[in-house]
Amino acid sequence: MNPIAEFSSLLVLAIWLMLPVALFGLAGLSGWLKSPLKLNHCWHIAGWLMVLSMAASLLVATLLVIQSVAGGDSNKLATLGSRFGLYPDGIAVWMALMVAFVGWVILRFANNYLSQDPGRDRFLPWFLVTIASVLVLVFTNNLVILAGAWIGVSLALHHLLTLYQDRPQARMAAVQKFIVSRAGDALVISGVALLYLHYGTFYLPEMVASETARTGGSLELTMASVALALAAVLKCAQIPFHGWLIQVMEAPTPVSALLHAGVINLGGFLWLRLFPVFDGFTAGHLILLVIGGLTAVVAILTMMTQFSVKHALAWSTCAQMGFMLFEIGMGAYTLALLHLLAHSLYKAHSFLASGRTVVVSAAGGFPESPVASRLLWAGSTGLVATLILFQAPWIVEHNPIFGALLVFAVAAAAMGIPAGATASVKLKLAGMAVFLVPVYSLLHTLVGPAVPVHEGFAVPPVGYALGATMVALLALCSLLIVLGARFRATRLLCAHFRQGLYLELPFDRLTRQLAAEALRVPSMFRRVPHHPFRLEERS
């Protein structure tokens, strides 16, 4: 790399790093200012910083593409980035683009949504700290900084969840989330410490480059995979630790969007970032496969039986996170990254447009076609999707489990064709359902180069058996709920699924008891407003 190109790369990387630093600085300034006019300026500056962050990420992406096309030293940009403690690779770029874009959209929405809200001034600084902490977590090449940013994200989010201090249920749910997050923090710290014991370094590039990763595992590496898998399960609100996700819905809509579209995805990102340091299929992968798959099945069926829009969205998040961890457990890292990005964009829109969704749903849905017609269209489109995947199995990374899931998604989309539609409209809708396969193929091709090579990963037979069982169970129960509403047994099943099969109760009772103890304060003390854990002596 010539001196001019090297200087340009260093300049771009320095700007990339300075933007989250600027967000931290702006958060401190907005928390200190009292003038409404100056605070409004802070909102506008924050929006521009998000836009600049997206632009800087695109520049880093351009440098990565140029480096890939030019050949030579494929790690040159990563070497330059290490001077700033950065790890500029494809995953970091995609995540940074998503975080900045979602943050910018939520910020614009919140500026109007909270315009007359007394919590508006408290929202901005903690929102900026959350976004900046996520960016640091995405950028860093040091696992100690990654663990610190992980903790910082959940601490800043806690202040957003307790934005309304006059809602006892919201405070209780926030403290339950606080307890779960601290358990996750302990697991991440343990996982990082165990990786250090195995590799002798905290720097991720050195771990990935180490020959140790190719010569077999160790007890420390196995224990690290278990600790990090459990940390991802807690962060992604998986069964049976998911109760808090349903209960924090009293937070303002922008906070819910930030949580469901951004923060909750970090469990998946943790594994997308660290999977190259593990030697193939580990105990952690098995945990993600089992818990993620079980959560996906239960949560999606529970979502189908909900009446509340926000509760349905919360269960949808739980299900999507389960699918993402299931994909990671099966070694489909490209699919997991694509799932993470798509879910973030979809869920941000869903929450920010939830009010409009309520209005639309109140108008009533389209009449349903007869069962035989729905099954015919679903079977036909599913058969076409199967033939496409049979000819191009690389679309699903030659994994029959994910092929079955994609076919199931196409068939489910076709089952929604309403009654009364003309034949041409039905054909168009069925074609759009089948079109999901090439669209997924295109997106997979676009995102794929960002994921490190993982050709040596092999799923054991037990993994395929578990995956096939969960897909079959999901398909069977979904058909029962959709088509069997007139049967008493199905209605009884729906009544239990509406409560999530009560799987959250044991852990929820434990955290609720601990939260109640945390919120119980001696009478000689009183709480400082807007700081639920800060106490001062009564005068």
Protein backbone atom coordinates (compact mmCIF):
# COMPACT_ATOMS: atom_id res chain seq x y z
CA MET A 1 0.00 0.00 0.00
CA ASN A 2 1.49 3.34 -1.07
CA PRO A 3 1.83 6.18 1.48
CA ILE A 4 -1.13 8.18 0.09
CA ALA A 5 -3.46 5.18 0.21
CA GLU A 6 -2.25 4.30 3.70
CA PHE A 7 -2.78 7.86 4.94
CA SER A 8 -6.28 7.94 3.40
CA SER A 9 -7.16 4.63 5.04
CA LEU A 10 -5.90 5.80 8.41
CA LEU A 11 -7.89 9.04 8.08
CA VAL A 12 -11.11 7.15 7.26
CA LEU A 13 -10.57 4.75 10.18
CA ALA A 14 -9.86 7.65 12.55
CA ILE A 15 -13.10 9.36 11.51
CA TRP A 16 -14.95 6.06 11.91
CA LEU A 17 -13.70 5.82 15.49
CA MET A 18 -14.24 9.48 16.39
CA LEU A 19 -17.96 9.40 15.61
CA PRO A 20 -18.95 7.18 18.60
CA VAL A 21 -16.58 9.27 20.71
CA ALA A 22 -18.46 12.37 19.53
CA LEU A 23 -21.76 10.71 20.45
CA PHE A 24 -20.45 10.11 23.97
CA GLY A 25 -19.40 13.76 24.19
CA LEU A 26 -22.76 14.99 22.90
CA ALA A 27 -24.55 12.74 25.41
CA GLY A 28 -22.62 14.37 28.25
CA LEU A 29 -23.31 17.85 26.90
CA SER A 30 -27.06 17.22 26.44
CA GLY A 31 -27.30 15.86 29.98
CA TRP A 32 -25.66 19.01 31.35
CA LEU A 33 -27.52 21.65 29.32
CA LYS A 34 -30.81 23.08 30.59
CA SER A 35 -31.73 25.48 27.78
CA PRO A 36 -34.51 24.03 25.57
CA LEU A 37 -33.07 25.81 22.52
CA LYS A 38 -29.60 24.33 23.05
CA LEU A 39 -31.10 20.90 23.70
CA ASN A 40 -32.92 21.11 20.37
CA HIS A 41 -29.56 21.83 18.73
CA CYS A 42 -28.21 18.67 20.39
CA TRP A 43 -31.02 16.63 18.81
CA HIS A 44 -30.14 17.98 15.36
CA ILE A 45 -26.39 17.45 15.87
CA ALA A 46 -27.06 13.86 16.99
CA GLY A 47 -28.95 13.22 13.75
CA TRP A 48 -26.07 14.53 11.66
CA LEU A 49 -23.58 12.41 13.60
CA MET A 50 -25.65 9.32 12.77
CA VAL A 51 -25.60 10.28 9.09
CA LEU A 52 -21.83 10.85 9.19
CA SER A 53 -21.41 7.47 10.86
CA MET A 54 -23.24 5.82 7.97
CA ALA A 55 -21.07 7.71 5.48
CA ALA A 56 -17.86 6.69 7.29
CA SER A 57 -19.01 3.05 7.34
CA LEU A 58 -19.61 3.20 3.59
CA LEU A 59 -16.09 4.55 3.11
CA VAL A 60 -14.67 1.67 5.17
CA ALA A 61 -16.74 -0.73 3.05
CA THR A 62 -15.28 0.85 -0.09
CA LEU A 63 -11.75 0.35 1.25
CA LEU A 64 -12.55 -3.31 1.99
CA VAL A 65 -13.87 -3.84 -1.54
CA ILE A 66 -10.81 -2.14 -3.08
CA GLN A 67 -8.55 -4.29 -0.91
CA SER A 68 -10.40 -7.43 -1.99
CA VAL A 69 -10.25 -6.55 -5.70
CA ALA A 70 -6.61 -5.44 -5.58
CA GLY A 71 -5.49 -8.63 -3.85
CA GLY A 72 -2.16 -8.61 -2.04
CA ASP A 73 -2.27 -8.39 1.74
CA SER A 74 -5.91 -9.11 2.55
CA ASN A 75 -5.44 -8.04 6.18
CA LYS A 76 -3.84 -4.67 5.50
CA LEU A 77 -6.87 -2.65 6.56
CA ALA A 78 -7.26 -4.73 9.71
CA THR A 79 -3.58 -4.10 10.47
CA LEU A 80 -4.08 -0.35 10.08
CA GLY A 81 -7.23 -0.52 12.17
CA SER A 82 -5.36 -2.20 15.00
CA ARG A 83 -3.49 1.07 15.55
CA PHE A 84 -6.81 2.54 16.74
CA GLY A 85 -8.08 -0.64 18.38
CA LEU A 86 -10.50 -1.24 15.49
CA TYR A 87 -11.46 -4.45 13.70
CA PRO A 88 -12.66 -3.21 10.28
CA ASP A 89 -14.19 -6.22 8.56
CA GLY A 90 -17.43 -6.93 6.72
CA ILE A 91 -19.43 -7.82 9.83
CA ALA A 92 -18.38 -4.59 11.56
CA VAL A 93 -19.36 -2.52 8.50
CA TRP A 94 -22.79 -4.11 8.09
CA MET A 95 -23.51 -3.79 11.80
CA ALA A 96 -22.29 -0.18 11.94
CA LEU A 97 -24.50 0.76 8.98
CA MET A 98 -27.51 -0.91 10.58
CA VAL A 99 -26.92 0.63 14.03
CA ALA A 100 -26.44 4.16 12.68
CA PHE A 101 -29.43 3.93 10.33
CA VAL A 102 -31.82 2.48 12.92
CA GLY A 103 -30.55 4.97 15.49
CA TRP A 104 -31.11 7.86 13.08
CA VAL A 105 -34.67 6.71 12.29
CA ILE A 106 -35.57 6.23 15.97
CA LEU A 107 -34.03 9.61 16.84
CA ARG A 108 -36.14 11.41 14.23
CA PHE A 109 -39.26 9.61 15.42
CA ALA A 110 -38.54 10.33 19.10
CA ASN A 111 -37.93 14.02 18.42
CA ASN A 112 -41.61 14.37 17.50
CA TYR A 113 -43.03 11.58 19.66
CA LEU A 114 -41.52 13.04 22.86
CA SER A 115 -41.93 16.70 21.93
CA GLN A 116 -44.23 17.46 24.87
CA ASP A 117 -43.07 14.64 27.10
CA PRO A 118 -41.32 15.47 30.42
CA GLY A 119 -38.89 12.60 29.78
CA ARG A 120 -37.66 14.04 26.49
CA ASP A 121 -34.57 15.70 27.93
CA ARG A 122 -33.57 12.52 29.80
CA PHE A 123 -34.12 10.36 26.71
CA LEU A 124 -31.47 11.93 24.47
CA PRO A 125 -28.29 11.47 26.58
CA TRP A 126 -29.02 7.83 27.46
CA PHE A 127 -30.09 7.07 23.91
CA LEU A 128 -26.79 8.44 22.58
CA VAL A 129 -24.80 6.51 25.18
CA THR A 130 -26.59 3.32 24.13
CA ILE A 131 -25.90 3.86 20.42
CA ALA A 132 -22.27 4.86 21.03
CA SER A 133 -21.70 1.81 23.26
CA VAL A 134 -23.09 -0.50 20.58
CA LEU A 135 -20.79 1.09 17.97
CA VAL A 136 -17.77 0.60 20.23
CA LEU A 137 -18.78 -3.03 20.77
CA VAL A 138 -19.01 -3.50 17.00
CA PHE A 139 -15.72 -1.73 16.19
CA THR A 140 -13.29 -3.03 18.82
CA ASN A 141 -10.68 -5.74 18.36
CA ASN A 142 -10.10 -6.11 22.12
CA LEU A 143 -12.36 -8.45 24.07
CA VAL A 144 -11.95 -6.47 27.30
CA ILE A 145 -13.35 -3.37 25.57
CA LEU A 146 -16.05 -5.53 23.98
CA ALA A 147 -17.12 -6.78 27.41
CA GLY A 148 -17.08 -3.23 28.79
CA ALA A 149 -19.21 -1.95 25.90
CA TRP A 150 -21.59 -4.90 26.39
CA ILE A 151 -22.11 -3.84 30.01
CA GLY A 152 -22.39 -0.16 29.04
CA VAL A 153 -25.19 -0.88 26.58
CA SER A 154 -27.40 -2.57 29.17
CA LEU A 155 -26.71 0.07 31.85
CA ALA A 156 -27.64 2.91 29.48
CA LEU A 157 -30.72 1.03 28.29
CA HIS A 158 -31.84 0.64 31.91
CA HIS A 159 -32.13 4.43 32.22
CA LEU A 160 -34.34 4.46 29.13
CA LEU A 161 -36.56 1.68 30.44
CA THR A 162 -37.08 3.67 33.67
CA LEU A 163 -37.89 6.89 31.83
CA TYR A 164 -41.35 6.97 33.46
CA GLN A 165 -40.78 6.77 37.20
CA ASP A 166 -44.49 7.02 38.02
CA ARG A 167 -45.20 3.56 36.55
CA PRO A 168 -44.46 0.91 39.19
CA GLN A 169 -44.88 -1.98 36.76
CA ALA A 170 -42.40 -0.39 34.36
CA ARG A 171 -39.87 0.04 37.17
CA MET A 172 -40.37 -3.55 38.30
CA ALA A 173 -39.85 -4.90 34.78
CA ALA A 174 -36.77 -2.70 34.30
CA VAL A 175 -35.20 -4.03 37.49
CA GLN A 176 -35.96 -7.60 36.40
CA LYS A 177 -34.19 -6.81 33.12
CA PHE A 178 -31.35 -5.28 35.15
CA ILE A 179 -30.90 -8.53 37.10
CA VAL A 180 -30.93 -10.67 33.95
CA SER A 181 -28.41 -8.34 32.29
CA ARG A 182 -26.01 -8.54 35.20
CA ALA A 183 -26.08 -12.34 34.97
CA GLY A 184 -25.32 -12.00 31.26
CA ASP A 185 -22.47 -9.59 32.00
CA ALA A 186 -20.91 -12.09 34.38
CA LEU A 187 -21.10 -14.79 31.71
CA VAL A 188 -19.49 -12.55 29.07
CA ILE A 189 -16.66 -11.63 31.44
CA SER A 190 -16.18 -15.32 32.26
CA GLY A 191 -16.14 -16.23 28.57
CA VAL A 192 -13.55 -13.55 27.79
CA ALA A 193 -11.37 -14.69 30.71
CA LEU A 194 -11.54 -18.31 29.54
CA LEU A 195 -10.61 -17.32 25.99
CA TYR A 196 -7.62 -15.44 27.41
CA LEU A 197 -6.55 -18.55 29.32
CA HIS A 198 -6.69 -20.54 26.08
CA TYR A 199 -5.07 -18.04 23.73
CA GLY A 200 -2.99 -15.83 26.03
CA THR A 201 -4.31 -12.61 24.47
CA PHE A 202 -7.37 -10.39 24.52
CA TYR A 203 -6.95 -9.31 20.89
CA LEU A 204 -9.41 -10.97 18.55
CA PRO A 205 -7.23 -10.87 15.39
CA GLU A 206 -4.47 -12.68 17.27
CA MET A 207 -6.95 -15.31 18.43
CA VAL A 208 -8.25 -15.86 14.90
CA ALA A 209 -4.73 -16.06 13.48
CA SER A 210 -3.52 -18.43 16.19
CA GLU A 211 -2.72 -21.98 15.13
CA THR A 212 -4.29 -23.14 18.40
CA ALA A 213 -7.73 -22.77 16.83
CA ARG A 214 -6.80 -25.42 14.26
CA THR A 215 -5.12 -27.97 16.51
CA GLY A 216 -8.08 -28.92 18.69
CA GLY A 217 -9.93 -27.45 21.60
CA SER A 218 -9.40 -27.38 25.32
CA LEU A 219 -11.46 -27.35 28.49
CA GLU A 220 -11.16 -23.55 28.63
CA LEU A 221 -12.43 -23.20 25.07
CA THR A 222 -15.39 -25.51 25.74
CA MET A 223 -16.30 -23.64 28.93
CA ALA A 224 -15.97 -20.32 27.10
CA SER A 225 -18.41 -21.51 24.43
CA VAL A 226 -20.92 -22.50 27.13
CA ALA A 227 -20.57 -19.18 28.98
CA LEU A 228 -20.94 -17.11 25.80
CA ALA A 229 -23.89 -19.22 24.62
CA LEU A 230 -25.71 -18.65 27.91
CA ALA A 231 -24.88 -14.93 27.71
CA ALA A 232 -26.43 -14.81 24.22
CA VAL A 233 -29.49 -16.70 25.48
CA LEU A 234 -30.00 -14.15 28.27
CA LYS A 235 -29.41 -11.12 26.04
CA CYS A 236 -31.78 -12.45 23.34
CA ALA A 237 -34.58 -13.18 25.86
CA GLN A 238 -34.76 -16.90 25.19
CA ILE A 239 -36.91 -19.40 27.07
CA PRO A 240 -37.08 -19.63 30.07
CA PHE A 241 -35.46 -16.20 30.62
CA HIS A 242 -37.82 -14.23 28.38
CA GLY A 243 -40.41 -12.91 30.84
CA TRP A 244 -38.84 -9.46 31.16
CA LEU A 245 -39.14 -8.83 27.41
CA ILE A 246 -42.93 -9.05 27.56
CA GLN A 247 -43.12 -6.87 30.68
CA VAL A 248 -40.99 -3.90 29.55
CA MET A 249 -43.62 -2.85 27.00
CA GLU A 250 -44.61 0.14 29.16
CA ALA A 251 -41.50 1.96 27.98
CA PRO A 252 -42.02 4.67 25.32
CA THR A 253 -42.31 3.39 21.76
CA PRO A 254 -38.83 4.71 20.70
CA VAL A 255 -37.27 2.80 23.61
CA SER A 256 -39.14 -0.38 22.63
CA ALA A 257 -37.94 0.06 19.05
CA LEU A 258 -34.35 0.53 20.22
CA LEU A 259 -34.54 -2.57 22.40
CA HIS A 260 -36.21 -4.87 19.89
CA ALA A 261 -34.47 -3.61 16.76
CA GLY A 262 -31.00 -3.18 18.19
CA VAL A 263 -29.92 -4.12 21.68
CA ILE A 264 -31.52 -7.56 21.80
CA ASN A 265 -29.59 -8.58 18.66
CA LEU A 266 -26.24 -8.30 20.44
CA GLY A 267 -26.35 -11.92 21.59
CA GLY A 268 -26.25 -12.98 17.95
CA PHE A 269 -23.55 -10.45 17.10
CA LEU A 270 -21.39 -11.75 19.95
CA TRP A 271 -21.29 -15.16 18.29
CA LEU A 272 -20.91 -13.82 14.77
CA ARG A 273 -17.87 -11.95 16.01
CA LEU A 274 -16.33 -14.78 18.06
CA PHE A 275 -17.21 -17.98 16.22
CA PRO A 276 -13.83 -18.13 14.35
CA VAL A 277 -12.04 -18.68 17.68
CA PHE A 278 -13.91 -21.93 18.33
CA ASP A 279 -12.96 -25.29 16.88
CA GLY A 280 -16.04 -26.40 14.94
CA PHE A 281 -19.22 -27.53 16.67
CA THR A 282 -18.94 -26.87 20.41
CA ALA A 283 -21.10 -27.35 23.50
CA GLY A 284 -22.09 -23.70 23.08
CA HIS A 285 -23.42 -24.41 19.59
CA LEU A 286 -25.55 -27.23 20.99
CA ILE A 287 -27.00 -24.89 23.64
CA LEU A 288 -27.86 -22.28 21.01
CA LEU A 289 -29.39 -24.91 18.73
CA VAL A 290 -31.61 -26.45 21.42
CA ILE A 291 -32.70 -23.31 23.31
CA GLY A 292 -32.94 -21.16 20.19
CA GLY A 293 -34.98 -23.78 18.32
CA LEU A 294 -37.32 -24.40 21.26
CA THR A 295 -37.82 -20.67 21.75
CA ALA A 296 -38.55 -20.13 18.05
CA VAL A 297 -41.23 -22.83 18.04
CA VAL A 298 -42.96 -21.73 21.26
CA ALA A 299 -42.67 -17.98 20.62
CA ILE A 300 -43.96 -18.00 17.06
CA LEU A 301 -46.98 -20.08 18.09
CA THR A 302 -47.57 -17.76 21.05
CA MET A 303 -47.32 -14.74 18.75
CA MET A 304 -50.02 -16.23 16.51
CA THR A 305 -52.46 -16.29 19.45
CA GLN A 306 -51.93 -12.74 20.78
CA PHE A 307 -54.52 -9.94 20.69
CA SER A 308 -52.25 -7.05 21.73
CA VAL A 309 -50.13 -5.59 18.92
CA LYS A 310 -47.17 -4.82 21.18
CA HIS A 311 -47.27 -8.22 22.85
CA ALA A 312 -47.39 -9.89 19.45
CA LEU A 313 -44.34 -7.85 18.41
CA ALA A 314 -42.51 -8.81 21.62
CA TRP A 315 -43.19 -12.51 21.02
CA SER A 316 -42.14 -12.03 17.41
CA THR A 317 -38.81 -10.65 18.60
CA CYS A 318 -38.38 -13.60 20.93
CA ALA A 319 -39.08 -16.00 18.05
CA GLN A 320 -36.78 -14.23 15.59
CA MET A 321 -33.93 -14.22 18.11
CA GLY A 322 -34.54 -17.92 18.62
CA PHE A 323 -34.26 -18.54 14.88
CA MET A 324 -31.06 -16.49 14.73
CA LEU A 325 -29.40 -18.43 17.55
CA PHE A 326 -30.66 -21.69 16.03
CA GLU A 327 -28.95 -20.72 12.76
CA ILE A 328 -25.72 -19.96 14.58
CA GLY A 329 -25.94 -23.31 16.37
CA MET A 330 -26.26 -24.99 12.96
CA GLY A 331 -23.24 -23.08 11.63
CA ALA A 332 -25.25 -20.93 9.16
CA TYR A 333 -23.44 -17.73 10.08
CA THR A 334 -24.22 -15.88 6.85
CA LEU A 335 -27.91 -16.62 7.27
CA ALA A 336 -27.71 -15.48 10.91
CA LEU A 337 -26.11 -12.15 9.92
CA LEU A 338 -28.73 -11.62 7.21
CA HIS A 339 -31.44 -12.51 9.73
CA LEU A 340 -30.03 -10.02 12.26
CA LEU A 341 -29.93 -7.16 9.76
CA ALA A 342 -33.37 -7.86 8.30
CA HIS A 343 -34.97 -8.28 11.72
CA SER A 344 -33.53 -4.98 12.95
CA LEU A 345 -35.00 -3.03 10.06
CA TYR A 346 -38.33 -4.86 10.15
CA LYS A 347 -38.78 -4.59 13.91
CA ALA A 348 -37.85 -0.89 14.04
CA HIS A 349 -40.53 -0.19 11.45
CA SER A 350 -43.05 -2.45 13.22
CA PHE A 351 -42.72 -0.66 16.55
CA LEU A 352 -42.58 2.85 15.15
CA ALA A 353 -45.65 2.10 13.03
CA SER A 354 -47.48 0.13 15.75
CA GLY A 355 -50.12 2.87 16.13
CA ARG A 356 -51.00 2.64 12.46
CA THR A 357 -51.07 -1.17 12.77
CA VAL A 358 -53.72 -0.90 15.49
CA VAL A 359 -55.88 1.34 13.29
CA VAL A 360 -55.56 -1.03 10.32
CA SER A 361 -56.27 -4.15 12.39
CA ALA A 362 -59.40 -2.50 13.82
CA ALA A 363 -60.81 -2.28 10.30
CA GLY A 364 -60.85 -6.08 10.05
CA GLY A 365 -58.90 -8.43 7.82
CA PHE A 366 -59.63 -9.93 4.43
CA PRO A 367 -61.98 -12.93 4.41
CA GLU A 368 -60.12 -16.23 4.41
CA SER A 369 -60.29 -18.68 1.54
CA PRO A 370 -61.62 -22.20 2.14
CA VAL A 371 -59.17 -24.58 3.80
CA ALA A 372 -58.79 -26.72 0.67
CA SER A 373 -57.95 -23.68 -1.46
CA ARG A 374 -55.39 -22.39 1.04
CA LEU A 375 -53.70 -25.77 1.29
CA LEU A 376 -53.63 -26.06 -2.51
CA TRP A 377 -51.91 -22.71 -2.99
CA ALA A 378 -49.52 -23.36 -0.08
CA GLY A 379 -48.62 -26.80 -1.41
CA SER A 380 -48.12 -25.54 -4.96
CA THR A 381 -45.85 -22.65 -4.02
CA GLY A 382 -43.97 -24.86 -1.54
CA LEU A 383 -43.39 -27.43 -4.30
CA VAL A 384 -42.01 -24.78 -6.65
CA ALA A 385 -39.69 -23.50 -3.91
CA THR A 386 -38.53 -27.07 -3.24
CA LEU A 387 -37.70 -27.60 -6.93
CA ILE A 388 -35.68 -24.36 -6.97
CA LEU A 389 -33.71 -25.37 -3.88
CA PHE A 390 -33.19 -28.87 -5.29
CA GLN A 391 -31.52 -27.30 -8.33
CA ALA A 392 -29.60 -24.70 -6.28
CA PRO A 393 -28.91 -26.13 -2.78
CA TRP A 394 -26.12 -23.61 -2.25
CA ILE A 395 -28.85 -21.02 -1.54
CA VAL A 396 -29.32 -22.62 1.89
CA GLU A 397 -25.67 -23.66 2.26
CA HIS A 398 -26.58 -27.28 1.38
CA ASN A 399 -28.44 -27.56 4.68
CA PRO A 400 -31.80 -29.40 4.34
CA ILE A 401 -33.07 -27.95 7.64
CA PHE A 402 -32.86 -24.39 6.34
CA GLY A 403 -34.24 -25.50 3.01
CA ALA A 404 -37.30 -26.85 4.82
CA LEU A 405 -37.65 -23.57 6.75
CA LEU A 406 -37.49 -21.51 3.55
CA VAL A 407 -40.10 -23.74 1.87
CA PHE A 408 -42.28 -23.44 4.98
CA ALA A 409 -41.99 -19.63 4.84
CA VAL A 410 -43.02 -19.58 1.16
CA ALA A 411 -45.98 -21.88 1.81
CA ALA A 412 -47.08 -19.84 4.84
CA ALA A 413 -47.01 -16.65 2.75
CA ALA A 414 -49.20 -18.30 0.10
CA MET A 415 -51.73 -19.44 2.70
CA GLY A 416 -52.58 -15.80 3.30
CA ILE A 417 -54.13 -15.35 -0.15
CA PRO A 418 -57.60 -13.93 0.63
CA ALA A 419 -60.93 -15.18 -0.60
CA GLY A 420 -62.54 -13.31 -3.46
CA ALA A 421 -59.27 -12.58 -5.27
CA THR A 422 -59.31 -13.18 -9.01
CA ALA A 423 -57.22 -15.95 -10.52
CA SER A 424 -54.67 -13.46 -11.87
CA VAL A 425 -54.32 -11.81 -8.45
CA LYS A 426 -53.87 -15.19 -6.78
CA LEU A 427 -51.17 -16.10 -9.30
CA LYS A 428 -49.39 -12.80 -8.67
CA LEU A 429 -49.52 -13.30 -4.89
CA ALA A 430 -48.26 -16.87 -5.24
CA GLY A 431 -45.47 -15.63 -7.50
CA MET A 432 -44.49 -13.06 -4.88
CA ALA A 433 -44.34 -15.83 -2.28
CA VAL A 434 -42.06 -17.94 -4.51
CA PHE A 435 -40.01 -14.82 -5.25
CA LEU A 436 -38.82 -15.00 -1.63
CA VAL A 437 -36.34 -17.70 -2.71
CA PRO A 438 -34.37 -15.64 -5.29
CA VAL A 439 -34.59 -12.54 -3.08
CA TYR A 440 -33.08 -14.51 -0.21
CA SER A 441 -30.42 -15.87 -2.59
CA LEU A 442 -29.51 -12.34 -3.71
CA LEU A 443 -29.27 -11.03 -0.14
CA HIS A 444 -27.27 -14.09 0.91
CA THR A 445 -24.81 -13.41 -1.92
CA LEU A 446 -24.55 -9.75 -0.92
CA VAL A 447 -23.91 -10.38 2.78
CA GLY A 448 -21.92 -13.61 2.42
CA PRO A 449 -18.46 -12.08 1.77
CA ALA A 450 -18.63 -10.28 5.12
CA VAL A 451 -18.61 -13.54 7.09
CA PRO A 452 -15.27 -15.27 7.77
CA VAL A 453 -14.72 -18.60 6.03
CA HIS A 454 -16.10 -21.51 8.04
CA GLU A 455 -15.83 -24.44 5.67
CA GLY A 456 -14.54 -26.78 8.38
CA PHE A 457 -17.72 -26.52 10.43
CA ALA A 458 -19.74 -29.76 10.46
CA VAL A 459 -23.06 -30.28 12.19
CA PRO A 460 -23.22 -33.66 13.96
CA PRO A 461 -26.14 -36.03 13.30
CA VAL A 462 -27.76 -35.09 16.61
CA GLY A 463 -27.89 -31.48 15.42
CA TYR A 464 -29.73 -32.42 12.24
CA ALA A 465 -32.10 -34.63 14.22
CA LEU A 466 -32.93 -31.82 16.66
CA GLY A 467 -33.33 -29.31 13.84
CA ALA A 468 -35.64 -31.57 11.84
CA THR A 469 -37.77 -32.27 14.92
CA MET A 470 -38.22 -28.57 15.66
CA VAL A 471 -39.11 -27.68 12.07
CA ALA A 472 -41.68 -30.49 11.93
CA LEU A 473 -43.14 -29.46 15.28
CA LEU A 474 -43.40 -25.83 14.15
CA ALA A 475 -45.16 -26.79 10.91
CA LEU A 476 -47.61 -29.15 12.64
CA CYS A 477 -48.59 -26.78 15.46
CA SER A 478 -48.89 -23.82 13.07
CA LEU A 479 -51.32 -25.77 10.88
CA LEU A 480 -53.34 -26.74 13.95
CA ILE A 481 -53.65 -23.12 15.08
CA VAL A 482 -54.38 -21.72 11.62
CA LEU A 483 -56.74 -24.41 10.34
CA GLY A 484 -58.18 -26.06 13.42
CA ALA A 485 -59.84 -23.15 15.25
CA ARG A 486 -63.22 -24.91 15.18
CA PHE A 487 -61.94 -27.84 17.26
CA ARG A 488 -62.17 -27.68 21.06
CA ALA A 489 -58.72 -29.23 21.53
CA THR A 490 -57.16 -26.59 19.28
CA ARG A 491 -58.90 -23.77 21.13
CA LEU A 492 -57.57 -25.20 24.40
CA LEU A 493 -54.07 -25.38 22.89
CA CYS A 494 -54.33 -21.75 21.77
CA ALA A 495 -55.39 -20.69 25.28
CA HIS A 496 -52.20 -22.17 26.73
CA PHE A 497 -49.98 -20.85 23.94
CA ARG A 498 -51.47 -17.39 24.53
CA GLN A 499 -49.64 -17.50 27.89
CA GLY A 500 -46.41 -18.80 26.38
CA LEU A 501 -47.07 -22.23 27.95
CA TYR A 502 -46.18 -20.53 31.27
CA LEU A 503 -42.52 -21.36 30.68
CA GLU A 504 -41.31 -18.03 32.05
CA LEU A 505 -42.96 -18.40 35.46
CA PRO A 506 -40.14 -20.02 37.54
CA PHE A 507 -37.43 -17.59 36.47
CA ASP A 508 -39.87 -14.67 36.41
CA ARG A 509 -40.88 -15.32 40.02
CA LEU A 510 -37.24 -15.41 41.08
CA THR A 511 -36.33 -12.13 39.36
CA ARG A 512 -39.56 -10.49 40.53
CA GLN A 513 -38.71 -11.39 44.13
CA LEU A 514 -35.18 -10.02 43.74
CA ALA A 515 -36.53 -6.88 42.04
CA ALA A 516 -39.02 -6.34 44.86
CA GLU A 517 -36.18 -6.56 47.37
CA ALA A 518 -34.12 -4.09 45.33
CA LEU A 519 -37.00 -1.61 45.21
CA ARG A 520 -37.76 -1.89 48.92
CA VAL A 521 -36.02 1.07 50.58
CA PRO A 522 -35.65 1.84 54.30
CA SER A 523 -37.95 4.66 55.41
CA MET A 524 -35.00 6.87 56.33
CA PHE A 525 -34.01 7.06 52.67
CA ARG A 526 -35.77 8.37 49.62
CA ARG A 527 -35.08 7.84 45.94
CA VAL A 528 -33.43 10.43 43.78
CA PRO A 529 -35.86 11.18 40.91
CA HIS A 530 -35.12 9.25 37.72
CA HIS A 531 -32.40 7.15 39.38
CA PRO A 532 -34.09 4.01 40.76
CA PHE A 533 -30.94 2.68 42.41
CA ARG A 534 -29.58 5.95 43.79
CA LEU A 535 -30.57 6.83 47.35
CA GLU A 536 -30.06 9.82 49.55
CA GLU A 537 -30.79 10.33 53.23
CA ARG A 538 -33.98 12.15 54.09
CA SER A 539 -33.50 15.59 55.58
